[in-house]
Every structure is written in C-alpha cells, then in structure tokens.
Amino acid sequence: MITLATVVRRKPDVMTAEFDGEIVLMDLSAGAYFGLNATSSDIWRHLAEPIRVETLCQTLAGEYQGDPAVIESDILALLQTLETRALLDVVP
C-alpha cells in the first residue's frame, strides 16, 4: 500500500506518448495502455525521479492551489492504480 512516506518513481521501461498535453502509458510486456488526463500527466512528469509521496502532494498542492486533503487523496488513488497496473516502482 502506498502511503505519504512511500518513495515512488515511474517504471523506466514504460513507453509514453503525449497528445494535446495528455500522456498515454504503454506497457509493452502486458500489451496494455493507460491514458492520463492533463492533471495525471503532470503527476507522471513529477515521477521521473524518485520522490516521496508527501513531497509530491505538497508540490502539487502549491501548484494547483487546491484543498491539500483532496489533492492528497487523489494522488494516492492515482499512484495506487499505477502500481496495480505495474507502471510504478516503489523505491525501498
């Protein structure tokens, strides 16, 4: 389970393509793709290097100036989905 203390990064072998500010992730080993909306695409960009989830939430709360609790909840849900689809690495 991903928590605020978890350090994550995107899997380096996931292929990506960008269309009109949105990113499509392609997992060639599974033969599947996963589309990200503009906000989720922005989160994906932040995952290029290992980052603590708490830091990611704070950064995006500042960028989007939204309710930090809602942003935190949404980010945790997205990261959990990405991990379930094997698109995200949890860094020890």
C-alpha atoms as a PDB file:
ATOM      1  CA  MET A   1       0.000   0.000   0.000  1.00  0.00           C
ATOM      2  CA  ILE A   2       1.295   3.431  -0.910  1.00  0.00           C
ATOM      3  CA  THR A   3       1.413   5.995   1.903  1.00  0.00           C
ATOM      4  CA  LEU A   4       2.723   9.538   2.250  1.00  0.00           C
ATOM      5  CA  ALA A   5       6.068   8.097   3.401  1.00  0.00           C
ATOM      6  CA  THR A   6       6.465   5.898   0.297  1.00  0.00           C
ATOM      7  CA  VAL A   7       9.065   6.854  -2.297  1.00  0.00           C
ATOM      8  CA  VAL A   8       7.931   6.197  -5.856  1.00  0.00           C
ATOM      9  CA  ARG A   9       9.064   6.674  -9.424  1.00  0.00           C
ATOM     10  CA  ARG A  10       7.703   5.705 -12.786  1.00  0.00           C
ATOM     11  CA  LYS A  11       8.979   2.462 -14.270  1.00  0.00           C
ATOM     12  CA  PRO A  12      11.711   3.291 -16.745  1.00  0.00           C
ATOM     13  CA  ASP A  13      10.581   0.707 -19.297  1.00  0.00           C
ATOM     14  CA  VAL A  14       7.067   2.137 -19.698  1.00  0.00           C
ATOM     15  CA  MET A  15       6.677   3.755 -23.104  1.00  0.00           C
ATOM     16  CA  THR A  16       4.852   7.084 -23.226  1.00  0.00           C
ATOM     17  CA  ALA A  17       3.305   9.262 -25.879  1.00  0.00           C
ATOM     18  CA  GLU A  18       1.892  12.743 -25.415  1.00  0.00           C
ATOM     19  CA  PHE A  19      -1.150  14.089 -27.249  1.00  0.00           C
ATOM     20  CA  ASP A  20      -2.509  17.572 -26.545  1.00  0.00           C
ATOM     21  CA  GLY A  21      -0.983  17.728 -23.053  1.00  0.00           C
ATOM     22  CA  GLU A  22      -2.192  14.282 -22.038  1.00  0.00           C
ATOM     23  CA  ILE A  23       0.032  11.224 -21.750  1.00  0.00           C
ATOM     24  CA  VAL A  24      -0.674   7.659 -22.780  1.00  0.00           C
ATOM     25  CA  LEU A  25       1.363   4.978 -20.995  1.00  0.00           C
ATOM     26  CA  MET A  26       2.114   1.792 -22.889  1.00  0.00           C
ATOM     27  CA  ASP A  27       3.188  -1.369 -21.109  1.00  0.00           C
ATOM     28  CA  LEU A  28       4.551  -3.452 -23.959  1.00  0.00           C
ATOM     29  CA  SER A  29       5.113  -6.527 -21.780  1.00  0.00           C
ATOM     30  CA  ALA A  30       1.424  -6.620 -20.845  1.00  0.00           C
ATOM     31  CA  GLY A  31       0.193  -5.341 -24.202  1.00  0.00           C
ATOM     32  CA  ALA A  32      -1.853  -2.655 -22.469  1.00  0.00           C
ATOM     33  CA  TYR A  33      -2.112   1.108 -22.428  1.00  0.00           C
ATOM     34  CA  PHE A  34      -3.345   3.566 -19.832  1.00  0.00           C
ATOM     35  CA  GLY A  35      -4.443   7.134 -20.572  1.00  0.00           C
ATOM     36  CA  LEU A  36      -3.761  10.036 -18.222  1.00  0.00           C
ATOM     37  CA  ASN A  37      -5.700  13.291 -18.204  1.00  0.00           C
ATOM     38  CA  ALA A  38      -3.821  16.611 -18.033  1.00  0.00           C
ATOM     39  CA  THR A  39      -3.538  16.634 -14.225  1.00  0.00           C
ATOM     40  CA  SER A  40      -2.476  12.980 -14.018  1.00  0.00           C
ATOM     41  CA  SER A  41       0.015  13.645 -16.816  1.00  0.00           C
ATOM     42  CA  ASP A  42       1.528  16.406 -14.688  1.00  0.00           C
ATOM     43  CA  ILE A  43       1.865  13.958 -11.787  1.00  0.00           C
ATOM     44  CA  TRP A  44       3.531  11.440 -14.128  1.00  0.00           C
ATOM     45  CA  ARG A  45       6.108  14.063 -15.115  1.00  0.00           C
ATOM     46  CA  HIS A  46       6.982  14.538 -11.422  1.00  0.00           C
ATOM     47  CA  LEU A  47       7.677  10.800 -11.161  1.00  0.00           C
ATOM     48  CA  ALA A  48      10.698  10.892 -13.489  1.00  0.00           C
ATOM     49  CA  GLU A  49      12.962  10.741 -10.421  1.00  0.00           C
ATOM     50  CA  PRO A  50      12.250   9.036  -7.098  1.00  0.00           C
ATOM     51  CA  ILE A  51      10.047  11.244  -4.933  1.00  0.00           C
ATOM     52  CA  ARG A  52       8.406  10.853  -1.533  1.00  0.00           C
ATOM     53  CA  VAL A  53       4.627  10.896  -1.944  1.00  0.00           C
ATOM     54  CA  GLU A  54       4.291  13.543   0.774  1.00  0.00           C
ATOM     55  CA  THR A  55       6.656  15.842  -1.154  1.00  0.00           C
ATOM     56  CA  LEU A  56       4.728  15.215  -4.368  1.00  0.00           C
ATOM     57  CA  CYS A  57       1.452  16.122  -2.634  1.00  0.00           C
ATOM     58  CA  GLN A  58       2.918  19.320  -1.176  1.00  0.00           C
ATOM     59  CA  THR A  59       4.388  20.345  -4.525  1.00  0.00           C
ATOM     60  CA  LEU A  60       1.141  19.806  -6.403  1.00  0.00           C
ATOM     61  CA  ALA A  61      -0.948  21.471  -3.681  1.00  0.00           C
ATOM     62  CA  GLY A  62       1.209  24.560  -4.207  1.00  0.00           C
ATOM     63  CA  GLU A  63       0.975  24.377  -7.988  1.00  0.00           C
ATOM     64  CA  TYR A  64      -2.779  23.782  -8.132  1.00  0.00           C
ATOM     65  CA  GLN A  65      -3.728  25.784  -5.029  1.00  0.00           C
ATOM     66  CA  GLY A  66      -6.458  23.306  -4.178  1.00  0.00           C
ATOM     67  CA  ASP A  67      -7.578  21.659  -0.979  1.00  0.00           C
ATOM     68  CA  PRO A  68      -4.493  19.729   0.203  1.00  0.00           C
ATOM     69  CA  ALA A  69      -6.624  16.873   1.593  1.00  0.00           C
ATOM     70  CA  VAL A  70      -8.389  16.373  -1.745  1.00  0.00           C
ATOM     71  CA  ILE A  71      -5.124  16.598  -3.674  1.00  0.00           C
ATOM     72  CA  GLU A  72      -3.513  14.067  -1.329  1.00  0.00           C
ATOM     73  CA  SER A  73      -6.423  11.658  -1.689  1.00  0.00           C
ATOM     74  CA  ASP A  74      -6.461  11.947  -5.478  1.00  0.00           C
ATOM     75  CA  ILE A  75      -2.692  11.463  -5.778  1.00  0.00           C
ATOM     76  CA  LEU A  76      -2.718   8.414  -3.505  1.00  0.00           C
ATOM     77  CA  ALA A  77      -5.544   6.885  -5.566  1.00  0.00           C
ATOM     78  CA  LEU A  78      -3.709   7.505  -8.851  1.00  0.00           C
ATOM     79  CA  LEU A  79      -0.429   6.123  -7.525  1.00  0.00           C
ATOM     80  CA  GLN A  80      -2.163   3.019  -6.224  1.00  0.00           C
ATOM     81  CA  THR A  81      -3.731   2.478  -9.652  1.00  0.00           C
ATOM     82  CA  LEU A  82      -0.382   2.940 -11.380  1.00  0.00           C
ATOM     83  CA  GLU A  83       1.246   0.458  -9.007  1.00  0.00           C
ATOM     84  CA  THR A  84      -1.549  -2.075  -9.530  1.00  0.00           C
ATOM     85  CA  ARG A  85      -1.026  -1.802 -13.295  1.00  0.00           C
ATOM     86  CA  ALA A  86       2.748  -2.280 -12.825  1.00  0.00           C
ATOM     87  CA  LEU A  87       3.536   1.199 -14.156  1.00  0.00           C
ATOM     88  CA  LEU A  88       5.119   2.496 -10.938  1.00  0.00           C
ATOM     89  CA  ASP A  89       8.110   1.436  -8.860  1.00  0.00           C
ATOM     90  CA  VAL A  90       8.127   1.695  -5.083  1.00  0.00           C
ATOM     91  CA  VAL A  91      11.671   2.593  -4.090  1.00  0.00           C
ATOM     92  CA  PRO A  92      12.978   0.936  -0.925  1.00  0.00           C
END
